[in-house]
PDB file of N, CA and C in Angstrom:
ATOM      1  N   UNK A   1     -10.204 -20.758  43.218  1.00  0.00           N
ATOM      2  CA  UNK A   1      -9.161 -20.166  42.755  1.00  0.00           C
ATOM      3  C   UNK A   1      -9.353 -18.660  43.496  1.00  0.00           C
ATOM      4  N   UNK A   2      -8.228 -18.374  43.973  1.00  0.00           N
ATOM      5  CA  UNK A   2      -7.675 -17.650  44.931  1.00  0.00           C
ATOM      6  C   UNK A   2      -7.753 -16.032  44.241  1.00  0.00           C
ATOM      7  N   UNK A   3      -7.877 -15.073  44.538  1.00  0.00           N
ATOM      8  CA  UNK A   3      -8.176 -13.767  44.442  1.00  0.00           C
ATOM      9  C   UNK A   3      -6.663 -13.057  43.775  1.00  0.00           C
ATOM     10  N   UNK A   4      -5.443 -14.066  44.347  1.00  0.00           N
ATOM     11  CA  UNK A   4      -4.145 -13.650  43.555  1.00  0.00           C
ATOM     12  C   UNK A   4      -4.073 -14.618  42.594  1.00  0.00           C
ATOM     13  N   UNK A   5      -4.548 -15.485  42.320  1.00  0.00           N
ATOM     14  CA  UNK A   5      -4.542 -16.279  41.073  1.00  0.00           C
ATOM     15  C   UNK A   5      -5.599 -15.725  40.179  1.00  0.00           C
ATOM     16  N   UNK A   6      -6.535 -14.880  40.412  1.00  0.00           N
ATOM     17  CA  UNK A   6      -7.520 -14.436  39.248  1.00  0.00           C
ATOM     18  C   UNK A   6      -6.671 -13.015  38.689  1.00  0.00           C
ATOM     19  N   UNK A   7      -6.124 -12.133  39.560  1.00  0.00           N
ATOM     20  CA  UNK A   7      -5.552 -11.325  39.343  1.00  0.00           C
ATOM     21  C   UNK A   7      -4.375 -11.223  38.477  1.00  0.00           C
ATOM     22  N   UNK A   8      -3.626 -12.184  38.576  1.00  0.00           N
ATOM     23  CA  UNK A   8      -2.592 -12.632  37.827  1.00  0.00           C
ATOM     24  C   UNK A   8      -2.934 -13.155  36.124  1.00  0.00           C
ATOM     25  N   UNK A   9      -4.007 -14.041  36.712  1.00  0.00           N
ATOM     26  CA  UNK A   9      -4.783 -14.447  35.003  1.00  0.00           C
ATOM     27  C   UNK A   9      -5.226 -13.309  34.373  1.00  0.00           C
ATOM     28  N   UNK A  10      -5.766 -12.301  34.611  1.00  0.00           N
ATOM     29  CA  UNK A  10      -6.507 -10.761  34.512  1.00  0.00           C
ATOM     30  C   UNK A  10      -5.326 -10.452  33.857  1.00  0.00           C
ATOM     31  N   UNK A  11      -4.314 -10.298  34.422  1.00  0.00           N
ATOM     32  CA  UNK A  11      -2.995  -9.377  33.729  1.00  0.00           C
ATOM     33  C   UNK A  11      -2.299 -10.101  32.930  1.00  0.00           C
ATOM     34  N   UNK A  12      -2.002 -11.420  33.075  1.00  0.00           N
ATOM     35  CA  UNK A  12      -1.721 -12.125  31.861  1.00  0.00           C
ATOM     36  C   UNK A  12      -2.270 -11.727  30.559  1.00  0.00           C
ATOM     37  N   UNK A  13      -3.711 -11.970  30.564  1.00  0.00           N
ATOM     38  CA  UNK A  13      -4.814 -12.016  29.787  1.00  0.00           C
ATOM     39  C   UNK A  13      -4.315 -10.350  29.226  1.00  0.00           C
ATOM     40  N   UNK A  14      -4.563  -9.610  29.612  1.00  0.00           N
ATOM     41  CA  UNK A  14      -4.164  -7.728  29.524  1.00  0.00           C
ATOM     42  C   UNK A  14      -3.232  -7.853  28.958  1.00  0.00           C
ATOM     43  N   UNK A  15      -1.716  -8.235  28.940  1.00  0.00           N
ATOM     44  CA  UNK A  15      -0.628  -8.300  28.313  1.00  0.00           C
ATOM     45  C   UNK A  15      -0.772  -9.275  27.145  1.00  0.00           C
ATOM     46  N   UNK A  16      -1.511 -10.487  27.198  1.00  0.00           N
ATOM     47  CA  UNK A  16      -1.581 -10.922  25.847  1.00  0.00           C
ATOM     48  C   UNK A  16      -2.414 -10.649  25.143  1.00  0.00           C
ATOM     49  N   UNK A  17      -3.406  -9.619  25.165  1.00  0.00           N
ATOM     50  CA  UNK A  17      -4.179  -9.026  24.460  1.00  0.00           C
ATOM     51  C   UNK A  17      -3.882  -7.892  23.760  1.00  0.00           C
ATOM     52  N   UNK A  18      -2.989  -6.862  24.534  1.00  0.00           N
ATOM     53  CA  UNK A  18      -2.016  -5.259  24.451  1.00  0.00           C
ATOM     54  C   UNK A  18      -1.149  -5.733  23.921  1.00  0.00           C
ATOM     55  N   UNK A  19      -0.559  -7.494  23.499  1.00  0.00           N
ATOM     56  CA  UNK A  19       1.121  -7.353  23.206  1.00  0.00           C
ATOM     57  C   UNK A  19       1.159  -6.879  21.329  1.00  0.00           C
ATOM     58  N   UNK A  20       0.060  -6.970  20.617  1.00  0.00           N
ATOM     59  CA  UNK A  20       0.171  -6.685  18.855  1.00  0.00           C
ATOM     60  C   UNK A  20      -0.089  -5.317  18.340  1.00  0.00           C
ATOM     61  N   UNK A  21      -0.835  -4.628  19.977  1.00  0.00           N
ATOM     62  CA  UNK A  21      -0.920  -3.137  19.904  1.00  0.00           C
ATOM     63  C   UNK A  21       1.023  -2.682  20.172  1.00  0.00           C
ATOM     64  N   UNK A  22       1.040  -3.185  21.182  1.00  0.00           N
ATOM     65  CA  UNK A  22       2.736  -2.603  21.374  1.00  0.00           C
ATOM     66  C   UNK A  22       3.715  -3.186  20.288  1.00  0.00           C
ATOM     67  N   UNK A  23       3.683  -4.214  19.959  1.00  0.00           N
ATOM     68  CA  UNK A  23       4.364  -4.764  18.995  1.00  0.00           C
ATOM     69  C   UNK A  23       4.354  -3.958  17.595  1.00  0.00           C
ATOM     70  N   UNK A  24       3.144  -3.357  17.385  1.00  0.00           N
ATOM     71  CA  UNK A  24       3.193  -2.779  15.974  1.00  0.00           C
ATOM     72  C   UNK A  24       3.809  -1.304  16.729  1.00  0.00           C
ATOM     73  N   UNK A  25       3.222  -0.734  17.603  1.00  0.00           N
ATOM     74  CA  UNK A  25       3.685   0.433  18.210  1.00  0.00           C
ATOM     75  C   UNK A  25       5.433   0.788  17.614  1.00  0.00           C
ATOM     76  N   UNK A  26       5.895  -0.096  18.292  1.00  0.00           N
ATOM     77  CA  UNK A  26       7.612  -0.087  18.299  1.00  0.00           C
ATOM     78  C   UNK A  26       8.207  -0.412  16.984  1.00  0.00           C
ATOM     79  N   UNK A  27       7.244  -1.385  16.150  1.00  0.00           N
ATOM     80  CA  UNK A  27       8.235  -1.874  15.257  1.00  0.00           C
ATOM     81  C   UNK A  27       7.802  -0.968  14.028  1.00  0.00           C
ATOM     82  N   UNK A  28       6.583   0.026  13.834  1.00  0.00           N
ATOM     83  CA  UNK A  28       6.561   0.682  12.867  1.00  0.00           C
ATOM     84  C   UNK A  28       7.027   2.236  12.812  1.00  0.00           C
ATOM     85  N   UNK A  29       7.066   2.256  14.424  1.00  0.00           N
ATOM     86  CA  UNK A  29       8.152   3.458  14.525  1.00  0.00           C
ATOM     87  C   UNK A  29       6.866   4.522  15.181  1.00  0.00           C
ATOM     88  N   UNK A  30       5.624   4.413  15.940  1.00  0.00           N
ATOM     89  CA  UNK A  30       4.948   5.237  16.396  1.00  0.00           C
ATOM     90  C   UNK A  30       6.063   5.550  17.598  1.00  0.00           C
ATOM     91  N   UNK A  31       6.440   4.879  18.343  1.00  0.00           N
ATOM     92  CA  UNK A  31       7.215   4.799  19.121  1.00  0.00           C
ATOM     93  C   UNK A  31       8.475   4.935  19.229  1.00  0.00           C
ATOM     94  N   UNK A  32       8.827   3.861  18.304  1.00  0.00           N
ATOM     95  CA  UNK A  32      10.282   3.657  17.922  1.00  0.00           C
ATOM     96  C   UNK A  32      10.675   4.945  16.695  1.00  0.00           C
ATOM     97  N   UNK A  33      11.916   5.138  16.177  1.00  0.00           N
ATOM     98  CA  UNK A  33      12.623   5.836  15.478  1.00  0.00           C
ATOM     99  C   UNK A  33      11.380   5.564  14.052  1.00  0.00           C
ATOM    100  N   UNK A  34      11.202   6.440  13.536  1.00  0.00           N
ATOM    101  CA  UNK A  34      10.039   6.559  12.236  1.00  0.00           C
ATOM    102  C   UNK A  34      11.045   6.457  11.441  1.00  0.00           C
ATOM    103  N   UNK A  35      10.580   5.746  10.603  1.00  0.00           N
ATOM    104  CA  UNK A  35      10.873   5.670   9.412  1.00  0.00           C
ATOM    105  C   UNK A  35      10.505   6.298   8.513  1.00  0.00           C
ATOM    106  N   UNK A  36      11.641   6.667   7.057  1.00  0.00           N
ATOM    107  CA  UNK A  36      11.113   7.571   6.363  1.00  0.00           C
ATOM    108  C   UNK A  36      10.613   6.993   4.803  1.00  0.00           C
ATOM    109  N   UNK A  37       9.982   8.174   4.247  1.00  0.00           N
ATOM    110  CA  UNK A  37       9.094   7.279   3.644  1.00  0.00           C
ATOM    111  C   UNK A  37       9.810   7.183   1.956  1.00  0.00           C
ATOM    112  N   UNK A  38       9.482   6.677   1.555  1.00  0.00           N
ATOM    113  CA  UNK A  38      10.575   5.688   0.421  1.00  0.00           C
ATOM    114  C   UNK A  38      10.620   6.968  -0.613  1.00  0.00           C
ATOM    115  N   UNK A  39      11.927   7.000  -1.601  1.00  0.00           N
ATOM    116  CA  UNK A  39      12.180   7.973  -2.566  1.00  0.00           C
ATOM    117  C   UNK A  39      11.232   7.952  -3.681  1.00  0.00           C
ATOM    118  N   UNK A  40      10.844   8.185  -4.261  1.00  0.00           N
ATOM    119  CA  UNK A  40      10.194   7.622  -5.753  1.00  0.00           C
ATOM    120  C   UNK A  40      10.895   8.127  -6.885  1.00  0.00           C
ATOM    121  N   UNK A  41      10.959   7.476  -7.634  1.00  0.00           N
ATOM    122  CA  UNK A  41      11.979   7.964  -9.093  1.00  0.00           C
ATOM    123  C   UNK A  41      10.831   8.516 -10.088  1.00  0.00           C
ATOM    124  N   UNK A  42      10.911   9.447 -10.360  1.00  0.00           N
ATOM    125  CA  UNK A  42       9.479  10.051 -11.458  1.00  0.00           C
ATOM    126  C   UNK A  42      10.592   9.957 -12.704  1.00  0.00           C
ATOM    127  N   UNK A  43      10.543   9.456 -13.528  1.00  0.00           N
ATOM    128  CA  UNK A  43      10.988   9.310 -15.186  1.00  0.00           C
ATOM    129  C   UNK A  43      10.794  10.826 -15.717  1.00  0.00           C
ATOM    130  N   UNK A  44       9.690  10.850 -15.866  1.00  0.00           N
ATOM    131  CA  UNK A  44       8.948  12.120 -16.963  1.00  0.00           C
ATOM    132  C   UNK A  44       8.438  12.476 -15.808  1.00  0.00           C
ATOM    133  N   UNK A  45       8.349  13.679 -15.047  1.00  0.00           N
ATOM    134  CA  UNK A  45       7.499  14.426 -14.196  1.00  0.00           C
ATOM    135  C   UNK A  45       6.935  15.597 -14.641  1.00  0.00           C
ATOM    136  N   UNK A  46       5.713  15.639 -14.205  1.00  0.00           N
ATOM    137  CA  UNK A  46       4.747  16.592 -15.183  1.00  0.00           C
ATOM    138  C   UNK A  46       3.313  16.549 -14.340  1.00  0.00           C
ATOM    139  N   UNK A  47       2.527  16.784 -15.291  1.00  0.00           N
ATOM    140  CA  UNK A  47       0.814  16.198 -14.814  1.00  0.00           C
ATOM    141  C   UNK A  47       0.459  14.776 -14.872  1.00  0.00           C
ATOM    142  N   UNK A  48       0.114  14.358 -13.794  1.00  0.00           N
ATOM    143  CA  UNK A  48      -0.105  13.427 -13.719  1.00  0.00           C
ATOM    144  C   UNK A  48      -2.332  13.490 -13.768  1.00  0.00           C
ATOM    145  N   UNK A  49      -2.743  12.486 -14.099  1.00  0.00           N
ATOM    146  CA  UNK A  49      -4.472  12.569 -14.630  1.00  0.00           C
ATOM    147  C   UNK A  49      -4.898  13.014 -13.308  1.00  0.00           C
ATOM    148  N   UNK A  50      -4.475  12.928 -12.136  1.00  0.00           N
ATOM    149  CA  UNK A  50      -5.199  13.162 -10.459  1.00  0.00           C
ATOM    150  C   UNK A  50      -3.607  13.938 -10.076  1.00  0.00           C
ATOM    151  N   UNK A  51      -4.002  14.760  -8.821  1.00  0.00           N
ATOM    152  CA  UNK A  51      -2.909  15.125  -7.532  1.00  0.00           C
ATOM    153  C   UNK A  51      -2.499  13.558  -7.194  1.00  0.00           C
ATOM    154  N   UNK A  52      -0.928  14.114  -6.798  1.00  0.00           N
ATOM    155  CA  UNK A  52      -0.408  13.371  -5.436  1.00  0.00           C
ATOM    156  C   UNK A  52      -1.033  12.878  -4.481  1.00  0.00           C
ATOM    157  N   UNK A  53      -1.644  13.237  -3.926  1.00  0.00           N
ATOM    158  CA  UNK A  53      -2.264  12.967  -2.802  1.00  0.00           C
ATOM    159  C   UNK A  53      -3.260  12.318  -3.030  1.00  0.00           C
ATOM    160  N   UNK A  54      -4.081  12.578  -4.008  1.00  0.00           N
ATOM    161  CA  UNK A  54      -5.493  11.669  -4.522  1.00  0.00           C
ATOM    162  C   UNK A  54      -4.597  10.304  -5.412  1.00  0.00           C
ATOM    163  N   UNK A  55      -3.951  10.363  -5.961  1.00  0.00           N
ATOM    164  CA  UNK A  55      -3.415   9.562  -6.595  1.00  0.00           C
ATOM    165  C   UNK A  55      -2.153   8.499  -5.408  1.00  0.00           C
ATOM    166  N   UNK A  56      -2.139   8.660  -4.314  1.00  0.00           N
ATOM    167  CA  UNK A  56      -1.080   7.989  -3.364  1.00  0.00           C
ATOM    168  C   UNK A  56      -2.926   7.282  -2.907  1.00  0.00           C
ATOM    169  N   UNK A  57      -3.401   7.690  -2.673  1.00  0.00           N
ATOM    170  CA  UNK A  57      -4.699   6.921  -1.676  1.00  0.00           C
ATOM    171  C   UNK A  57      -5.958   6.791  -2.757  1.00  0.00           C
ATOM    172  N   UNK A  58      -5.828   6.743  -3.513  1.00  0.00           N
ATOM    173  CA  UNK A  58      -7.072   6.174  -4.920  1.00  0.00           C
ATOM    174  C   UNK A  58      -6.522   5.583  -5.918  1.00  0.00           C
ATOM    175  N   UNK A  59      -5.197   5.239  -6.186  1.00  0.00           N
ATOM    176  CA  UNK A  59      -4.581   4.965  -7.294  1.00  0.00           C
ATOM    177  C   UNK A  59      -5.056   3.316  -7.568  1.00  0.00           C
ATOM    178  N   UNK A  60      -5.550   2.352  -6.713  1.00  0.00           N
ATOM    179  CA  UNK A  60      -5.811   0.875  -7.055  1.00  0.00           C
ATOM    180  C   UNK A  60      -7.107   1.091  -7.210  1.00  0.00           C
ATOM    181  N   UNK A  61      -8.304   2.190  -6.835  1.00  0.00           N
ATOM    182  CA  UNK A  61      -9.703   2.420  -7.415  1.00  0.00           C
ATOM    183  C   UNK A  61     -10.183   2.963  -8.298  1.00  0.00           C
ATOM    184  N   UNK A  62      -8.523   3.523  -8.874  1.00  0.00           N
ATOM    185  CA  UNK A  62      -8.734   4.222 -10.385  1.00  0.00           C
ATOM    186  C   UNK A  62      -8.597   2.775 -11.132  1.00  0.00           C
ATOM    187  N   UNK A  63      -7.686   2.219 -11.097  1.00  0.00           N
ATOM    188  CA  UNK A  63      -7.129   0.800 -11.631  1.00  0.00           C
ATOM    189  C   UNK A  63      -8.289  -0.149 -11.768  1.00  0.00           C
ATOM    190  N   UNK A  64      -9.109  -0.415 -10.561  1.00  0.00           N
ATOM    191  CA  UNK A  64     -10.228  -1.276 -10.881  1.00  0.00           C
ATOM    192  C   UNK A  64     -10.903  -0.791 -11.382  1.00  0.00           C
ATOM    193  N   UNK A  65     -11.315   0.107 -11.171  1.00  0.00           N
ATOM    194  CA  UNK A  65     -12.337   1.261 -12.123  1.00  0.00           C
ATOM    195  C   UNK A  65     -12.509   0.509 -13.420  1.00  0.00           C
ATOM    196  N   UNK A  66     -11.271   1.241 -13.600  1.00  0.00           N
ATOM    197  CA  UNK A  66     -10.513   1.194 -15.378  1.00  0.00           C
ATOM    198  C   UNK A  66     -10.645  -0.156 -15.568  1.00  0.00           C
ATOM    199  N   UNK A  67     -10.499  -1.197 -14.911  1.00  0.00           N
ATOM    200  CA  UNK A  67     -10.312  -2.626 -15.179  1.00  0.00           C
ATOM    201  C   UNK A  67     -11.881  -2.917 -15.323  1.00  0.00           C
ATOM    202  N   UNK A  68     -13.002  -2.507 -14.572  1.00  0.00           N
ATOM    203  CA  UNK A  68     -14.142  -2.969 -14.925  1.00  0.00           C
ATOM    204  C   UNK A  68     -14.588  -2.273 -16.191  1.00  0.00           C
ATOM    205  N   UNK A  69     -14.370  -1.138 -16.405  1.00  0.00           N
ATOM    206  CA  UNK A  69     -15.095  -0.570 -17.514  1.00  0.00           C
ATOM    207  C   UNK A  69     -14.158  -0.855 -19.193  1.00  0.00           C
ATOM    208  N   UNK A  70     -13.373  -1.313 -18.759  1.00  0.00           N
ATOM    209  CA  UNK A  70     -12.667  -2.419 -20.470  1.00  0.00           C
ATOM    210  C   UNK A  70     -13.470  -3.688 -20.058  1.00  0.00           C
ATOM    211  N   UNK A  71     -13.419  -4.493 -19.046  1.00  0.00           N
ATOM    212  CA  UNK A  71     -13.424  -5.535 -19.118  1.00  0.00           C
ATOM    213  C   UNK A  71     -15.527  -6.089 -19.448  1.00  0.00           C
ATOM    214  N   UNK A  72     -15.819  -5.310 -18.725  1.00  0.00           N
ATOM    215  CA  UNK A  72     -17.286  -5.348 -18.646  1.00  0.00           C
ATOM    216  C   UNK A  72     -18.143  -4.333 -20.047  1.00  0.00           C
ATOM    217  N   UNK A  73     -17.373  -3.360 -20.355  1.00  0.00           N
ATOM    218  CA  UNK A  73     -18.117  -2.383 -21.019  1.00  0.00           C
ATOM    219  C   UNK A  73     -17.186  -2.237 -22.656  1.00  0.00           C
ATOM    220  N   UNK A  74     -15.970  -2.958 -22.230  1.00  0.00           N
ATOM    221  CA  UNK A  74     -15.254  -2.100 -23.825  1.00  0.00           C
ATOM    222  C   UNK A  74     -15.052  -0.903 -23.460  1.00  0.00           C
ATOM    223  N   UNK A  75     -14.943  -0.035 -22.608  1.00  0.00           N
ATOM    224  CA  UNK A  75     -14.548   1.356 -22.701  1.00  0.00           C
ATOM    225  C   UNK A  75     -13.056   1.766 -22.159  1.00  0.00           C
ATOM    226  N   UNK A  76     -12.285   2.062 -23.200  1.00  0.00           N
ATOM    227  CA  UNK A  76     -11.232   2.323 -22.721  1.00  0.00           C
ATOM    228  C   UNK A  76     -10.682   4.107 -22.374  1.00  0.00           C
ATOM    229  N   UNK A  77     -10.310   4.593 -21.631  1.00  0.00           N
ATOM    230  CA  UNK A  77      -9.974   5.909 -21.488  1.00  0.00           C
ATOM    231  C   UNK A  77      -8.218   6.045 -21.440  1.00  0.00           C
ATOM    232  N   UNK A  78      -7.944   6.912 -22.407  1.00  0.00           N
ATOM    233  CA  UNK A  78      -6.711   7.251 -22.368  1.00  0.00           C
ATOM    234  C   UNK A  78      -6.068   7.395 -21.127  1.00  0.00           C
ATOM    235  N   UNK A  79      -4.736   6.916 -20.803  1.00  0.00           N
ATOM    236  CA  UNK A  79      -3.969   6.973 -19.975  1.00  0.00           C
ATOM    237  C   UNK A  79      -4.866   6.637 -18.480  1.00  0.00           C
ATOM    238  N   UNK A  80      -5.711   6.036 -18.524  1.00  0.00           N
ATOM    239  CA  UNK A  80      -6.247   5.555 -17.181  1.00  0.00           C
ATOM    240  C   UNK A  80      -5.957   4.516 -16.757  1.00  0.00           C
ATOM    241  N   UNK A  81      -4.991   3.504 -17.469  1.00  0.00           N
ATOM    242  CA  UNK A  81      -4.582   2.161 -17.079  1.00  0.00           C
ATOM    243  C   UNK A  81      -2.925   1.901 -16.902  1.00  0.00           C
ATOM    244  N   UNK A  82      -2.930   0.656 -16.652  1.00  0.00           N
ATOM    245  CA  UNK A  82      -1.385   0.760 -16.471  1.00  0.00           C
ATOM    246  C   UNK A  82      -0.893   1.213 -17.536  1.00  0.00           C
ATOM    247  N   UNK A  83      -0.894   1.512 -19.036  1.00  0.00           N
ATOM    248  CA  UNK A  83      -0.225   1.680 -20.001  1.00  0.00           C
ATOM    249  C   UNK A  83       0.007   3.499 -19.815  1.00  0.00           C
ATOM    250  N   UNK A  84      -0.752   3.759 -19.154  1.00  0.00           N
ATOM    251  CA  UNK A  84      -0.659   5.179 -18.815  1.00  0.00           C
ATOM    252  C   UNK A  84       0.037   5.598 -17.889  1.00  0.00           C
ATOM    253  N   UNK A  85       0.128   4.467 -17.100  1.00  0.00           N
ATOM    254  CA  UNK A  85       1.282   5.265 -15.735  1.00  0.00           C
ATOM    255  C   UNK A  85       2.746   4.868 -16.282  1.00  0.00           C
ATOM    256  N   UNK A  86       2.800   3.906 -17.013  1.00  0.00           N
ATOM    257  CA  UNK A  86       3.870   3.225 -17.668  1.00  0.00           C
ATOM    258  C   UNK A  86       4.840   4.796 -18.462  1.00  0.00           C
ATOM    259  N   UNK A  87       3.887   5.545 -18.828  1.00  0.00           N
ATOM    260  CA  UNK A  87       4.428   6.339 -19.767  1.00  0.00           C
ATOM    261  C   UNK A  87       5.312   7.553 -19.057  1.00  0.00           C
ATOM    262  N   UNK A  88       4.427   7.874 -17.476  1.00  0.00           N
ATOM    263  CA  UNK A  88       5.845   8.524 -16.749  1.00  0.00           C
ATOM    264  C   UNK A  88       6.758   7.731 -15.579  1.00  0.00           C
ATOM    265  N   UNK A  89       6.026   6.415 -15.521  1.00  0.00           N
ATOM    266  CA  UNK A  89       6.854   5.692 -14.611  1.00  0.00           C
ATOM    267  C   UNK A  89       7.257   3.951 -15.374  1.00  0.00           C
ATOM    268  N   UNK A  90       8.012   4.057 -15.799  1.00  0.00           N
ATOM    269  CA  UNK A  90       8.240   3.105 -16.609  1.00  0.00           C
ATOM    270  C   UNK A  90       9.225   1.911 -15.993  1.00  0.00           C
ATOM    271  N   UNK A  91       9.747   1.987 -14.594  1.00  0.00           N
ATOM    272  CA  UNK A  91      10.311   1.230 -13.859  1.00  0.00           C
ATOM    273  C   UNK A  91       9.410   0.950 -12.789  1.00  0.00           C
ATOM    274  N   UNK A  92       8.916  -0.515 -12.682  1.00  0.00           N
ATOM    275  CA  UNK A  92       7.728  -0.925 -11.858  1.00  0.00           C
ATOM    276  C   UNK A  92       8.912  -0.782 -10.142  1.00  0.00           C
ATOM    277  N   UNK A  93       9.803  -1.094 -10.511  1.00  0.00           N
ATOM    278  CA  UNK A  93      10.881  -1.691  -9.160  1.00  0.00           C
ATOM    279  C   UNK A  93      10.971  -0.215  -8.681  1.00  0.00           C
ATOM    280  N   UNK A  94      11.260   0.965  -9.166  1.00  0.00           N
ATOM    281  CA  UNK A  94      11.929   2.159  -8.401  1.00  0.00           C
ATOM    282  C   UNK A  94      10.887   3.127  -8.222  1.00  0.00           C
ATOM    283  N   UNK A  95       9.309   2.644  -8.514  1.00  0.00           N
ATOM    284  CA  UNK A  95       7.732   3.250  -8.557  1.00  0.00           C
ATOM    285  C   UNK A  95       7.313   2.361  -7.739  1.00  0.00           C
ATOM    286  N   UNK A  96       6.243   1.721  -8.552  1.00  0.00           N
ATOM    287  CA  UNK A  96       5.286   0.769  -7.739  1.00  0.00           C
ATOM    288  C   UNK A  96       5.670  -0.189  -6.404  1.00  0.00           C
ATOM    289  N   UNK A  97       6.901  -0.795  -6.738  1.00  0.00           N
ATOM    290  CA  UNK A  97       7.793  -1.743  -5.983  1.00  0.00           C
ATOM    291  C   UNK A  97       8.373  -1.144  -4.458  1.00  0.00           C
ATOM    292  N   UNK A  98       8.537   0.406  -4.607  1.00  0.00           N
ATOM    293  CA  UNK A  98       8.954   0.747  -3.466  1.00  0.00           C
ATOM    294  C   UNK A  98       7.719   1.254  -2.364  1.00  0.00           C
ATOM    295  N   UNK A  99       6.548   1.806  -3.008  1.00  0.00           N
ATOM    296  CA  UNK A  99       5.783   2.396  -2.123  1.00  0.00           C
ATOM    297  C   UNK A  99       5.014   0.909  -1.853  1.00  0.00           C
ATOM    298  N   UNK A 100       4.471  -0.192  -2.455  1.00  0.00           N
ATOM    299  CA  UNK A 100       4.086  -1.390  -1.950  1.00  0.00           C
ATOM    300  C   UNK A 100       4.914  -2.010  -0.881  1.00  0.00           C
ATOM    301  N   UNK A 101       6.514  -2.327  -1.131  1.00  0.00           N
ATOM    302  CA  UNK A 101       7.148  -2.530   0.001  1.00  0.00           C
ATOM    303  C   UNK A 101       6.993  -1.992   1.242  1.00  0.00           C
ATOM    304  N   UNK A 102       6.772  -0.375   1.353  1.00  0.00           N
ATOM    305  CA  UNK A 102       7.242   0.073   2.550  1.00  0.00           C
ATOM    306  C   UNK A 102       5.573  -0.266   3.566  1.00  0.00           C
ATOM    307  N   UNK A 103       4.664  -0.053   2.650  1.00  0.00           N
ATOM    308  CA  UNK A 103       3.242  -0.318   3.343  1.00  0.00           C
ATOM    309  C   UNK A 103       2.808  -1.964   3.739  1.00  0.00           C
ATOM    310  N   UNK A 104       3.753  -2.587   2.969  1.00  0.00           N
ATOM    311  CA  UNK A 104       3.724  -4.259   3.185  1.00  0.00           C
ATOM    312  C   UNK A 104       2.149  -4.809   2.145  1.00  0.00           C
ATOM    313  N   UNK A 105       2.141  -4.368   1.097  1.00  0.00           N
ATOM    314  CA  UNK A 105       1.126  -4.608   0.419  1.00  0.00           C
ATOM    315  C   UNK A 105       1.896  -5.821  -0.974  1.00  0.00           C
ATOM    316  N   UNK A 106       1.154  -6.481  -1.491  1.00  0.00           N
ATOM    317  CA  UNK A 106       1.250  -7.035  -2.731  1.00  0.00           C
ATOM    318  C   UNK A 106      -0.079  -7.042  -3.588  1.00  0.00           C
ATOM    319  N   UNK A 107       0.043  -6.602  -4.504  1.00  0.00           N
ATOM    320  CA  UNK A 107      -0.906  -5.963  -5.555  1.00  0.00           C
ATOM    321  C   UNK A 107      -1.198  -7.076  -6.305  1.00  0.00           C
ATOM    322  N   UNK A 108      -2.239  -7.599  -6.651  1.00  0.00           N
ATOM    323  CA  UNK A 108      -2.251  -8.776  -8.071  1.00  0.00           C
ATOM    324  C   UNK A 108      -2.428  -8.560  -8.939  1.00  0.00           C
ATOM    325  N   UNK A 109      -2.161  -6.942  -9.390  1.00  0.00           N
ATOM    326  CA  UNK A 109      -1.844  -6.814 -10.324  1.00  0.00           C
ATOM    327  C   UNK A 109      -0.810  -7.287 -11.568  1.00  0.00           C
ATOM    328  N   UNK A 110       0.408  -7.840 -11.071  1.00  0.00           N
ATOM    329  CA  UNK A 110       1.506  -8.398 -11.608  1.00  0.00           C
ATOM    330  C   UNK A 110       1.250  -9.559 -11.501  1.00  0.00           C
ATOM    331  N   UNK A 111      -0.202 -10.397 -11.357  1.00  0.00           N
ATOM    332  CA  UNK A 111      -0.373 -11.998 -11.304  1.00  0.00           C
ATOM    333  C   UNK A 111      -0.636 -12.281 -12.867  1.00  0.00           C
ATOM    334  N   UNK A 112      -1.156 -11.113 -13.691  1.00  0.00           N
ATOM    335  CA  UNK A 112      -1.834 -11.420 -14.902  1.00  0.00           C
ATOM    336  C   UNK A 112      -0.949 -10.249 -15.948  1.00  0.00           C
ATOM    337  N   UNK A 113      -0.702  -9.054 -15.530  1.00  0.00           N
ATOM    338  CA  UNK A 113      -0.386  -8.200 -16.152  1.00  0.00           C
ATOM    339  C   UNK A 113       1.380  -7.923 -16.379  1.00  0.00           C
ATOM    340  N   UNK A 114       1.829  -7.622 -17.307  1.00  0.00           N
ATOM    341  CA  UNK A 114       3.487  -7.823 -17.254  1.00  0.00           C
ATOM    342  C   UNK A 114       3.550  -6.193 -17.617  1.00  0.00           C
ATOM    343  N   UNK A 115       4.683  -5.822 -16.752  1.00  0.00           N
ATOM    344  CA  UNK A 115       4.990  -4.848 -16.617  1.00  0.00           C
ATOM    345  C   UNK A 115       6.561  -4.440 -16.853  1.00  0.00           C
ATOM    346  N   UNK A 116       6.779  -4.375 -18.749  1.00  0.00           N
ATOM    347  CA  UNK A 116       7.811  -4.096 -19.536  1.00  0.00           C
ATOM    348  C   UNK A 116       8.780  -3.178 -19.060  1.00  0.00           C
ATOM    349  N   UNK A 117       9.862  -3.392 -18.468  1.00  0.00           N
ATOM    350  CA  UNK A 117      11.299  -2.512 -17.805  1.00  0.00           C
ATOM    351  C   UNK A 117      12.164  -2.097 -19.222  1.00  0.00           C
TER     352      UNK A 117
END
């Protein structure tokens, strides 16, 4: 293999290796136009069980911990489950789904739980 062929192979390899990085940078908005955060409809604004920043990053841990407490130990805490969430956020499509769609996650909650509107 000649030096030129080897250099071309290295360049092609680096392009293929870096493609996902550049693709995500342009499609998610780091270098392209930033997409706006979803506007959430809160039916009954007030005090949540935790502050907004904490809930934004940890609500799934809270729900999983509550699930474990209920299923394994029979402990039910008021307002810590899906029923508690529904008191202030009754419309799943206007609250849960907007954020989950925005960040591209498909929670497994709704495989078993029904969120009536």
